Amino acid sequence: EVTQALHDLHDAGTDIITVTQYLRPTPRHLPVARWVRPEEFTEIKDEAEQIGFLGVLAGPLVRSSYRAGRLWARSMMAKGRDIPADLQHLADAELGFAQAVS
């Protein structure tokens, strides 16, 4: 399912993707069915990059806004587009992420 979803999203024009784990916010919410191993997030990230995504973050605590600026800058640079001067710090930031990156 994950592989097909990645292909569908990329085919629809998606350049940036975050992959994460559902975390139960309170006992009233649905329980976590399965805890995804960190190695699986690394595999998904690698697969997404092979498919052609320009920015990928994957990990159990990743959220859509997490490092979004850096992902956007990476995507823009990969497309050969200019990054405005007031956003250049996003492109210059080191990629010291605390999730599945290689």
PDB file of N, CA and C in Angstrom:
ATOM      1  N   GLU A   1       0.814  -1.196   0.000  1.00  0.00           N
ATOM      2  CA  GLU A   1       0.000   0.000   0.000  1.00  0.00           C
ATOM      3  C   GLU A   1       0.855   1.257   0.000  1.00  0.00           C
ATOM      4  N   VAL A   2       1.929   1.249   0.784  1.00  0.00           N
ATOM      5  CA  VAL A   2       2.784   2.433   0.863  1.00  0.00           C
ATOM      6  C   VAL A   2       3.424   2.713  -0.489  1.00  0.00           C
ATOM      7  N   THR A   3       3.943   1.676  -1.122  1.00  0.00           N
ATOM      8  CA  THR A   3       4.590   1.848  -2.425  1.00  0.00           C
ATOM      9  C   THR A   3       3.618   2.413  -3.444  1.00  0.00           C
ATOM     10  N   GLN A   4       2.420   1.877  -3.500  1.00  0.00           N
ATOM     11  CA  GLN A   4       1.425   2.371  -4.454  1.00  0.00           C
ATOM     12  C   GLN A   4       1.049   3.810  -4.149  1.00  0.00           C
ATOM     13  N   ALA A   5       0.879   4.123  -2.871  1.00  0.00           N
ATOM     14  CA  ALA A   5       0.541   5.498  -2.493  1.00  0.00           C
ATOM     15  C   ALA A   5       1.655   6.465  -2.893  1.00  0.00           C
ATOM     16  N   LEU A   6       2.907   6.064  -2.700  1.00  0.00           N
ATOM     17  CA  LEU A   6       4.031   6.913  -3.105  1.00  0.00           C
ATOM     18  C   LEU A   6       4.007   7.160  -4.609  1.00  0.00           C
ATOM     19  N   HIS A   7       3.790   6.104  -5.379  1.00  0.00           N
ATOM     20  CA  HIS A   7       3.724   6.256  -6.836  1.00  0.00           C
ATOM     21  C   HIS A   7       2.564   7.165  -7.239  1.00  0.00           C
ATOM     22  N   ASP A   8       1.406   6.959  -6.641  1.00  0.00           N
ATOM     23  CA  ASP A   8       0.234   7.777  -6.972  1.00  0.00           C
ATOM     24  C   ASP A   8       0.482   9.252  -6.654  1.00  0.00           C
ATOM     25  N   LEU A   9       1.058   9.520  -5.493  1.00  0.00           N
ATOM     26  CA  LEU A   9       1.339  10.904  -5.112  1.00  0.00           C
ATOM     27  C   LEU A   9       2.357  11.547  -6.046  1.00  0.00           C
ATOM     28  N   HIS A  10       3.400  10.805  -6.385  1.00  0.00           N
ATOM     29  CA  HIS A  10       4.416  11.350  -7.287  1.00  0.00           C
ATOM     30  C   HIS A  10       3.827  11.587  -8.674  1.00  0.00           C
ATOM     31  N   ASP A  11       3.042  10.631  -9.155  1.00  0.00           N
ATOM     32  CA  ASP A  11       2.410  10.774 -10.469  1.00  0.00           C
ATOM     33  C   ASP A  11       1.459  11.970 -10.517  1.00  0.00           C
ATOM     34  N   ALA A  12       0.903  12.333  -9.366  1.00  0.00           N
ATOM     35  CA  ALA A  12      -0.013  13.476  -9.292  1.00  0.00           C
ATOM     36  C   ALA A  12       0.734  14.805  -9.182  1.00  0.00           C
ATOM     37  N   GLY A  13       2.070  14.745  -9.120  1.00  0.00           N
ATOM     38  CA  GLY A  13       2.855  15.973  -9.099  1.00  0.00           C
ATOM     39  C   GLY A  13       3.409  16.376  -7.747  1.00  0.00           C
ATOM     40  N   THR A  14       3.323  15.501  -6.775  1.00  0.00           N
ATOM     41  CA  THR A  14       3.858  15.809  -5.450  1.00  0.00           C
ATOM     42  C   THR A  14       5.378  15.728  -5.465  1.00  0.00           C
ATOM     43  N   ASP A  15       6.045  16.747  -4.927  1.00  0.00           N
ATOM     44  CA  ASP A  15       7.508  16.787  -4.871  1.00  0.00           C
ATOM     45  C   ASP A  15       8.055  16.496  -3.482  1.00  0.00           C
ATOM     46  N   ILE A  16       7.284  16.839  -2.455  1.00  0.00           N
ATOM     47  CA  ILE A  16       7.735  16.749  -1.068  1.00  0.00           C
ATOM     48  C   ILE A  16       6.762  15.862  -0.304  1.00  0.00           C
ATOM     49  N   ILE A  17       7.317  14.983   0.541  1.00  0.00           N
ATOM     50  CA  ILE A  17       6.449  14.103   1.315  1.00  0.00           C
ATOM     51  C   ILE A  17       7.032  13.866   2.702  1.00  0.00           C
ATOM     52  N   THR A  18       6.147  13.773   3.681  1.00  0.00           N
ATOM     53  CA  THR A  18       6.537  13.366   5.021  1.00  0.00           C
ATOM     54  C   THR A  18       5.776  12.084   5.347  1.00  0.00           C
ATOM     55  N   VAL A  19       6.479  11.140   5.939  1.00  0.00           N
ATOM     56  CA  VAL A  19       5.889   9.853   6.304  1.00  0.00           C
ATOM     57  C   VAL A  19       6.088   9.685   7.803  1.00  0.00           C
ATOM     58  N   THR A  20       5.020   9.362   8.508  1.00  0.00           N
ATOM     59  CA  THR A  20       5.094   9.333   9.958  1.00  0.00           C
ATOM     60  C   THR A  20       4.286   8.184  10.549  1.00  0.00           C
ATOM     61  N   GLN A  21       4.276   8.111  11.841  1.00  0.00           N
ATOM     62  CA  GLN A  21       3.570   7.082  12.604  1.00  0.00           C
ATOM     63  C   GLN A  21       2.368   7.722  13.288  1.00  0.00           C
ATOM     64  N   TYR A  22       1.224   7.067  13.223  1.00  0.00           N
ATOM     65  CA  TYR A  22       0.082   7.530  14.010  1.00  0.00           C
ATOM     66  C   TYR A  22       0.416   7.325  15.482  1.00  0.00           C
ATOM     67  N   LEU A  23       0.208   8.357  16.268  1.00  0.00           N
ATOM     68  CA  LEU A  23       0.412   8.274  17.712  1.00  0.00           C
ATOM     69  C   LEU A  23      -0.909   8.585  18.396  1.00  0.00           C
ATOM     70  N   ARG A  24      -1.303   7.744  19.300  1.00  0.00           N
ATOM     71  CA  ARG A  24      -2.572   7.905  20.008  1.00  0.00           C
ATOM     72  C   ARG A  24      -2.486   9.103  20.963  1.00  0.00           C
ATOM     73  N   PRO A  25      -3.234  10.164  20.692  1.00  0.00           N
ATOM     74  CA  PRO A  25      -3.111  11.356  21.525  1.00  0.00           C
ATOM     75  C   PRO A  25      -3.719  11.218  22.923  1.00  0.00           C
ATOM     76  N   THR A  26      -4.791  10.446  23.037  1.00  0.00           N
ATOM     77  CA  THR A  26      -5.429  10.233  24.339  1.00  0.00           C
ATOM     78  C   THR A  26      -6.016   8.826  24.358  1.00  0.00           C
ATOM     79  N   PRO A  27      -6.345   8.305  25.528  1.00  0.00           N
ATOM     80  CA  PRO A  27      -6.977   6.984  25.594  1.00  0.00           C
ATOM     81  C   PRO A  27      -8.320   6.911  24.861  1.00  0.00           C
ATOM     82  N   ARG A  28      -8.944   8.031  24.574  1.00  0.00           N
ATOM     83  CA  ARG A  28     -10.223   8.037  23.860  1.00  0.00           C
ATOM     84  C   ARG A  28     -10.058   7.833  22.356  1.00  0.00           C
ATOM     85  N   HIS A  29      -8.839   7.967  21.847  1.00  0.00           N
ATOM     86  CA  HIS A  29      -8.571   7.803  20.421  1.00  0.00           C
ATOM     87  C   HIS A  29      -8.221   6.353  20.114  1.00  0.00           C
ATOM     88  N   LEU A  30      -8.253   6.023  18.834  1.00  0.00           N
ATOM     89  CA  LEU A  30      -7.915   4.667  18.413  1.00  0.00           C
ATOM     90  C   LEU A  30      -6.510   4.296  18.865  1.00  0.00           C
ATOM     91  N   PRO A  31      -6.326   3.053  19.296  1.00  0.00           N
ATOM     92  CA  PRO A  31      -4.986   2.626  19.702  1.00  0.00           C
ATOM     93  C   PRO A  31      -4.072   2.465  18.487  1.00  0.00           C
ATOM     94  N   VAL A  32      -2.793   2.487  18.739  1.00  0.00           N
ATOM     95  CA  VAL A  32      -1.798   2.249  17.691  1.00  0.00           C
ATOM     96  C   VAL A  32      -1.853   0.765  17.347  1.00  0.00           C
ATOM     97  N   ALA A  33      -2.093   0.458  16.083  1.00  0.00           N
ATOM     98  CA  ALA A  33      -2.200  -0.937  15.652  1.00  0.00           C
ATOM     99  C   ALA A  33      -0.834  -1.614  15.598  1.00  0.00           C
ATOM    100  N   ARG A  34       0.183  -0.853  15.208  1.00  0.00           N
ATOM    101  CA  ARG A  34       1.521  -1.425  15.064  1.00  0.00           C
ATOM    102  C   ARG A  34       2.533  -0.301  15.133  1.00  0.00           C
ATOM    103  N   TRP A  35       3.608  -0.523  15.869  1.00  0.00           N
ATOM    104  CA  TRP A  35       4.689   0.451  15.926  1.00  0.00           C
ATOM    105  C   TRP A  35       5.641   0.159  14.776  1.00  0.00           C
ATOM    106  N   VAL A  36       5.876   1.148  13.936  1.00  0.00           N
ATOM    107  CA  VAL A  36       6.738   0.982  12.769  1.00  0.00           C
ATOM    108  C   VAL A  36       8.195   1.122  13.210  1.00  0.00           C
ATOM    109  N   ARG A  37       9.014   0.158  12.837  1.00  0.00           N
ATOM    110  CA  ARG A  37      10.437   0.167  13.189  1.00  0.00           C
ATOM    111  C   ARG A  37      11.162   1.298  12.457  1.00  0.00           C
ATOM    112  N   PRO A  38      12.166   1.902  13.057  1.00  0.00           N
ATOM    113  CA  PRO A  38      12.930   2.963  12.390  1.00  0.00           C
ATOM    114  C   PRO A  38      13.505   2.522  11.043  1.00  0.00           C
ATOM    115  N   GLU A  39      13.903   1.269  10.938  1.00  0.00           N
ATOM    116  CA  GLU A  39      14.446   0.757   9.679  1.00  0.00           C
ATOM    117  C   GLU A  39      13.421   0.839   8.556  1.00  0.00           C
ATOM    118  N   GLU A  40      12.160   0.644   8.888  1.00  0.00           N
ATOM    119  CA  GLU A  40      11.110   0.733   7.872  1.00  0.00           C
ATOM    120  C   GLU A  40      10.983   2.158   7.339  1.00  0.00           C
ATOM    121  N   PHE A  41      11.134   3.139   8.227  1.00  0.00           N
ATOM    122  CA  PHE A  41      11.083   4.525   7.777  1.00  0.00           C
ATOM    123  C   PHE A  41      12.244   4.827   6.842  1.00  0.00           C
ATOM    124  N   THR A  42      13.406   4.277   7.140  1.00  0.00           N
ATOM    125  CA  THR A  42      14.565   4.466   6.262  1.00  0.00           C
ATOM    126  C   THR A  42      14.301   3.847   4.899  1.00  0.00           C
ATOM    127  N   GLU A  43      13.717   2.659   4.884  1.00  0.00           N
ATOM    128  CA  GLU A  43      13.390   1.991   3.618  1.00  0.00           C
ATOM    129  C   GLU A  43      12.372   2.798   2.815  1.00  0.00           C
ATOM    130  N   ILE A  44      11.363   3.321   3.486  1.00  0.00           N
ATOM    131  CA  ILE A  44      10.339   4.119   2.807  1.00  0.00           C
ATOM    132  C   ILE A  44      10.958   5.393   2.244  1.00  0.00           C
ATOM    133  N   LYS A  45      11.824   6.038   3.023  1.00  0.00           N
ATOM    134  CA  LYS A  45      12.495   7.248   2.551  1.00  0.00           C
ATOM    135  C   LYS A  45      13.317   6.952   1.305  1.00  0.00           C
ATOM    136  N   ASP A  46      14.097   5.878   1.349  1.00  0.00           N
ATOM    137  CA  ASP A  46      14.920   5.507   0.194  1.00  0.00           C
ATOM    138  C   ASP A  46      14.053   5.227  -1.031  1.00  0.00           C
ATOM    139  N   GLU A  47      12.951   4.518  -0.811  1.00  0.00           N
ATOM    140  CA  GLU A  47      12.047   4.203  -1.919  1.00  0.00           C
ATOM    141  C   GLU A  47      11.438   5.475  -2.511  1.00  0.00           C
ATOM    142  N   ALA A  48      11.014   6.387  -1.651  1.00  0.00           N
ATOM    143  CA  ALA A  48      10.423   7.640  -2.130  1.00  0.00           C
ATOM    144  C   ALA A  48      11.431   8.441  -2.953  1.00  0.00           C
ATOM    145  N   GLU A  49      12.675   8.452  -2.521  1.00  0.00           N
ATOM    146  CA  GLU A  49      13.702   9.165  -3.286  1.00  0.00           C
ATOM    147  C   GLU A  49      13.955   8.486  -4.627  1.00  0.00           C
ATOM    148  N   GLN A  50      13.931   7.151  -4.650  1.00  0.00           N
ATOM    149  CA  GLN A  50      14.116   6.426  -5.911  1.00  0.00           C
ATOM    150  C   GLN A  50      12.969   6.708  -6.872  1.00  0.00           C
ATOM    151  N   ILE A  51      11.769   6.865  -6.348  1.00  0.00           N
ATOM    152  CA  ILE A  51      10.608   7.177  -7.183  1.00  0.00           C
ATOM    153  C   ILE A  51      10.761   8.562  -7.797  1.00  0.00           C
ATOM    154  N   GLY A  52      11.439   9.457  -7.084  1.00  0.00           N
ATOM    155  CA  GLY A  52      11.673  10.784  -7.633  1.00  0.00           C
ATOM    156  C   GLY A  52      11.244  11.950  -6.764  1.00  0.00           C
ATOM    157  N   PHE A  53      10.823  11.691  -5.535  1.00  0.00           N
ATOM    158  CA  PHE A  53      10.476  12.790  -4.643  1.00  0.00           C
ATOM    159  C   PHE A  53      11.722  13.622  -4.381  1.00  0.00           C
ATOM    160  N   LEU A  54      11.568  14.929  -4.362  1.00  0.00           N
ATOM    161  CA  LEU A  54      12.695  15.841  -4.189  1.00  0.00           C
ATOM    162  C   LEU A  54      12.998  16.135  -2.729  1.00  0.00           C
ATOM    163  N   GLY A  55      12.029  15.947  -1.870  1.00  0.00           N
ATOM    164  CA  GLY A  55      12.207  16.148  -0.437  1.00  0.00           C
ATOM    165  C   GLY A  55      11.429  15.098   0.315  1.00  0.00           C
ATOM    166  N   VAL A  56      12.113  14.351   1.187  1.00  0.00           N
ATOM    167  CA  VAL A  56      11.464  13.279   1.942  1.00  0.00           C
ATOM    168  C   VAL A  56      11.943  13.329   3.388  1.00  0.00           C
ATOM    169  N   LEU A  57      11.012  13.317   4.318  1.00  0.00           N
ATOM    170  CA  LEU A  57      11.310  13.114   5.727  1.00  0.00           C
ATOM    171  C   LEU A  57      10.444  11.960   6.192  1.00  0.00           C
ATOM    172  N   ALA A  58      11.044  11.034   6.917  1.00  0.00           N
ATOM    173  CA  ALA A  58      10.298   9.875   7.390  1.00  0.00           C
ATOM    174  C   ALA A  58      10.765   9.521   8.789  1.00  0.00           C
ATOM    175  N   GLY A  59       9.825   9.304   9.678  1.00  0.00           N
ATOM    176  CA  GLY A  59      10.152   8.927  11.041  1.00  0.00           C
ATOM    177  C   GLY A  59       8.915   8.956  11.909  1.00  0.00           C
ATOM    178  N   PRO A  60       8.974   8.324  13.073  1.00  0.00           N
ATOM    179  CA  PRO A  60       7.785   8.213  13.918  1.00  0.00           C
ATOM    180  C   PRO A  60       7.281   9.540  14.471  1.00  0.00           C
ATOM    181  N   LEU A  61       8.143  10.531  14.600  1.00  0.00           N
ATOM    182  CA  LEU A  61       7.727  11.811  15.170  1.00  0.00           C
ATOM    183  C   LEU A  61       7.696  12.943  14.153  1.00  0.00           C
ATOM    184  N   VAL A  62       7.884  12.631  12.890  1.00  0.00           N
ATOM    185  CA  VAL A  62       7.850  13.644  11.834  1.00  0.00           C
ATOM    186  C   VAL A  62       6.416  14.127  11.654  1.00  0.00           C
ATOM    187  N   ARG A  63       6.270  15.422  11.482  1.00  0.00           N
ATOM    188  CA  ARG A  63       4.966  16.001  11.189  1.00  0.00           C
ATOM    189  C   ARG A  63       5.102  16.854   9.934  1.00  0.00           C
ATOM    190  N   SER A  64       4.003  17.157   9.291  1.00  0.00           N
ATOM    191  CA  SER A  64       4.054  17.824   7.986  1.00  0.00           C
ATOM    192  C   SER A  64       4.772  19.165   8.034  1.00  0.00           C
ATOM    193  N   SER A  65       4.749  19.842   9.153  1.00  0.00           N
ATOM    194  CA  SER A  65       5.429  21.133   9.240  1.00  0.00           C
ATOM    195  C   SER A  65       6.885  21.002   9.679  1.00  0.00           C
ATOM    196  N   TYR A  66       7.296  19.816  10.076  1.00  0.00           N
ATOM    197  CA  TYR A  66       8.646  19.607  10.597  1.00  0.00           C
ATOM    198  C   TYR A  66       9.685  19.812   9.502  1.00  0.00           C
ATOM    199  N   ARG A  67      10.538  20.774   9.671  1.00  0.00           N
ATOM    200  CA  ARG A  67      11.591  21.085   8.698  1.00  0.00           C
ATOM    201  C   ARG A  67      11.027  21.372   7.307  1.00  0.00           C
ATOM    202  N   ALA A  68       9.808  21.857   7.251  1.00  0.00           N
ATOM    203  CA  ALA A  68       9.151  22.095   5.960  1.00  0.00           C
ATOM    204  C   ALA A  68       9.930  23.081   5.103  1.00  0.00           C
ATOM    205  N   GLY A  69      10.484  24.094   5.719  1.00  0.00           N
ATOM    206  CA  GLY A  69      11.250  25.072   4.961  1.00  0.00           C
ATOM    207  C   GLY A  69      12.461  24.461   4.291  1.00  0.00           C
ATOM    208  N   ARG A  70      13.145  23.588   5.004  1.00  0.00           N
ATOM    209  CA  ARG A  70      14.315  22.926   4.431  1.00  0.00           C
ATOM    210  C   ARG A  70      13.921  22.005   3.281  1.00  0.00           C
ATOM    211  N   LEU A  71      12.832  21.292   3.455  1.00  0.00           N
ATOM    212  CA  LEU A  71      12.367  20.426   2.372  1.00  0.00           C
ATOM    213  C   LEU A  71      11.994  21.253   1.148  1.00  0.00           C
ATOM    214  N   TRP A  72      11.310  22.360   1.369  1.00  0.00           N
ATOM    215  CA  TRP A  72      10.929  23.235   0.258  1.00  0.00           C
ATOM    216  C   TRP A  72      12.172  23.739  -0.463  1.00  0.00           C
ATOM    217  N   ALA A  73      13.159  24.207   0.290  1.00  0.00           N
ATOM    218  CA  ALA A  73      14.387  24.728  -0.319  1.00  0.00           C
ATOM    219  C   ALA A  73      15.103  23.639  -1.105  1.00  0.00           C
ATOM    220  N   ARG A  74      15.158  22.437  -0.556  1.00  0.00           N
ATOM    221  CA  ARG A  74      15.799  21.322  -1.260  1.00  0.00           C
ATOM    222  C   ARG A  74      15.077  21.037  -2.572  1.00  0.00           C
ATOM    223  N   SER A  75      13.762  21.063  -2.537  1.00  0.00           N
ATOM    224  CA  SER A  75      12.965  20.822  -3.739  1.00  0.00           C
ATOM    225  C   SER A  75      13.207  21.909  -4.784  1.00  0.00           C
ATOM    226  N   MET A  76      13.229  23.157  -4.339  1.00  0.00           N
ATOM    227  CA  MET A  76      13.456  24.269  -5.269  1.00  0.00           C
ATOM    228  C   MET A  76      14.830  24.166  -5.924  1.00  0.00           C
ATOM    229  N   MET A  77      15.847  23.848  -5.139  1.00  0.00           N
ATOM    230  CA  MET A  77      17.200  23.728  -5.689  1.00  0.00           C
ATOM    231  C   MET A  77      17.282  22.571  -6.678  1.00  0.00           C
ATOM    232  N   ALA A  78      16.613  21.466  -6.362  1.00  0.00           N
ATOM    233  CA  ALA A  78      16.626  20.308  -7.260  1.00  0.00           C
ATOM    234  C   ALA A  78      15.972  20.643  -8.597  1.00  0.00           C
ATOM    235  N   LYS A  79      15.014  21.562  -8.578  1.00  0.00           N
ATOM    236  CA  LYS A  79      14.339  21.989  -9.806  1.00  0.00           C
ATOM    237  C   LYS A  79      15.108  23.093 -10.525  1.00  0.00           C
ATOM    238  N   GLY A  80      16.195  23.569  -9.910  1.00  0.00           N
ATOM    239  CA  GLY A  80      16.975  24.638 -10.512  1.00  0.00           C
ATOM    240  C   GLY A  80      16.350  26.009 -10.352  1.00  0.00           C
ATOM    241  N   ARG A  81      15.459  26.151  -9.401  1.00  0.00           N
ATOM    242  CA  ARG A  81      14.790  27.432  -9.172  1.00  0.00           C
ATOM    243  C   ARG A  81      15.534  28.252  -8.124  1.00  0.00           C
ATOM    244  N   ASP A  82      15.417  29.547  -8.236  1.00  0.00           N
ATOM    245  CA  ASP A  82      16.046  30.449  -7.282  1.00  0.00           C
ATOM    246  C   ASP A  82      15.276  30.468  -5.970  1.00  0.00           C
ATOM    247  N   ILE A  83      16.016  30.648  -4.902  1.00  0.00           N
ATOM    248  CA  ILE A  83      15.416  30.816  -3.586  1.00  0.00           C
ATOM    249  C   ILE A  83      15.559  32.289  -3.224  1.00  0.00           C
ATOM    250  N   PRO A  84      14.461  32.950  -2.866  1.00  0.00           N
ATOM    251  CA  PRO A  84      14.539  34.372  -2.521  1.00  0.00           C
ATOM    252  C   PRO A  84      15.562  34.625  -1.409  1.00  0.00           C
ATOM    253  N   ALA A  85      16.197  35.782  -1.464  1.00  0.00           N
ATOM    254  CA  ALA A  85      17.250  36.118  -0.506  1.00  0.00           C
ATOM    255  C   ALA A  85      16.772  36.008   0.940  1.00  0.00           C
ATOM    256  N   ASP A  86      15.530  36.409   1.207  1.00  0.00           N
ATOM    257  CA  ASP A  86      15.039  36.363   2.584  1.00  0.00           C
ATOM    258  C   ASP A  86      14.730  34.948   3.064  1.00  0.00           C
ATOM    259  N   LEU A  87      14.803  33.965   2.176  1.00  0.00           N
ATOM    260  CA  LEU A  87      14.593  32.565   2.555  1.00  0.00           C
ATOM    261  C   LEU A  87      15.851  31.722   2.353  1.00  0.00           C
ATOM    262  N   GLN A  88      16.942  32.353   1.993  1.00  0.00           N
ATOM    263  CA  GLN A  88      18.181  31.635   1.704  1.00  0.00           C
ATOM    264  C   GLN A  88      18.676  30.830   2.902  1.00  0.00           C
ATOM    265  N   HIS A  89      18.382  31.298   4.108  1.00  0.00           N
ATOM    266  CA  HIS A  89      18.819  30.562   5.297  1.00  0.00           C
ATOM    267  C   HIS A  89      18.255  29.140   5.327  1.00  0.00           C
ATOM    268  N   LEU A  90      17.124  28.925   4.678  1.00  0.00           N
ATOM    269  CA  LEU A  90      16.548  27.580   4.622  1.00  0.00           C
ATOM    270  C   LEU A  90      17.412  26.653   3.783  1.00  0.00           C
ATOM    271  N   ALA A  91      17.954  27.172   2.709  1.00  0.00           N
ATOM    272  CA  ALA A  91      18.802  26.368   1.830  1.00  0.00           C
ATOM    273  C   ALA A  91      20.167  26.129   2.448  1.00  0.00           C
ATOM    274  N   ASP A  92      20.625  27.059   3.275  1.00  0.00           N
ATOM    275  CA  ASP A  92      21.947  26.951   3.873  1.00  0.00           C
ATOM    276  C   ASP A  92      21.962  26.100   5.130  1.00  0.00           C
ATOM    277  N   ALA A  93      20.798  25.784   5.675  1.00  0.00           N
ATOM    278  CA  ALA A  93      20.723  25.027   6.926  1.00  0.00           C
ATOM    279  C   ALA A  93      21.258  23.615   6.731  1.00  0.00           C
ATOM    280  N   GLU A  94      21.960  23.141   7.741  1.00  0.00           N
ATOM    281  CA  GLU A  94      22.463  21.772   7.687  1.00  0.00           C
ATOM    282  C   GLU A  94      21.307  20.801   7.834  1.00  0.00           C
ATOM    283  N   LEU A  95      21.516  19.609   7.315  1.00  0.00           N
ATOM    284  CA  LEU A  95      20.456  18.601   7.345  1.00  0.00           C
ATOM    285  C   LEU A  95      20.671  17.646   8.509  1.00  0.00           C
ATOM    286  N   GLY A  96      20.717  18.146   9.710  1.00  0.00           N
ATOM    287  CA  GLY A  96      20.902  17.314  10.890  1.00  0.00           C
ATOM    288  C   GLY A  96      19.569  16.845  11.426  1.00  0.00           C
ATOM    289  N   PHE A  97      18.854  16.077  10.645  1.00  0.00           N
ATOM    290  CA  PHE A  97      17.519  15.634  11.038  1.00  0.00           C
ATOM    291  C   PHE A  97      17.584  14.498  12.055  1.00  0.00           C
ATOM    292  N   ALA A  98      16.560  14.417  12.875  1.00  0.00           N
ATOM    293  CA  ALA A  98      16.473  13.362  13.879  1.00  0.00           C
ATOM    294  C   ALA A  98      15.443  12.326  13.462  1.00  0.00           C
ATOM    295  N   GLN A  99      15.449  11.962  12.223  1.00  0.00           N
ATOM    296  CA  GLN A  99      14.549  10.929  11.716  1.00  0.00           C
ATOM    297  C   GLN A  99      15.277  10.178  10.617  1.00  0.00           C
ATOM    298  N   ALA A 100      14.577   9.364   9.896  1.00  0.00           N
ATOM    299  CA  ALA A 100      15.208   8.504   8.892  1.00  0.00           C
ATOM    300  C   ALA A 100      15.709   9.324   7.720  1.00  0.00           C
ATOM    301  N   VAL A 101      16.984   9.564   7.704  1.00  0.00           N
ATOM    302  CA  VAL A 101      17.630  10.210   6.571  1.00  0.00           C
ATOM    303  C   VAL A 101      18.915   9.477   6.292  1.00  0.00           C
ATOM    304  N   SER A 102      19.350   9.546   5.049  1.00  0.00           N
ATOM    305  CA  SER A 102      20.603   8.877   4.714  1.00  0.00           C
ATOM    306  C   SER A 102      21.519   9.832   4.002  1.00  0.00           C
TER     307      SER A 102
END
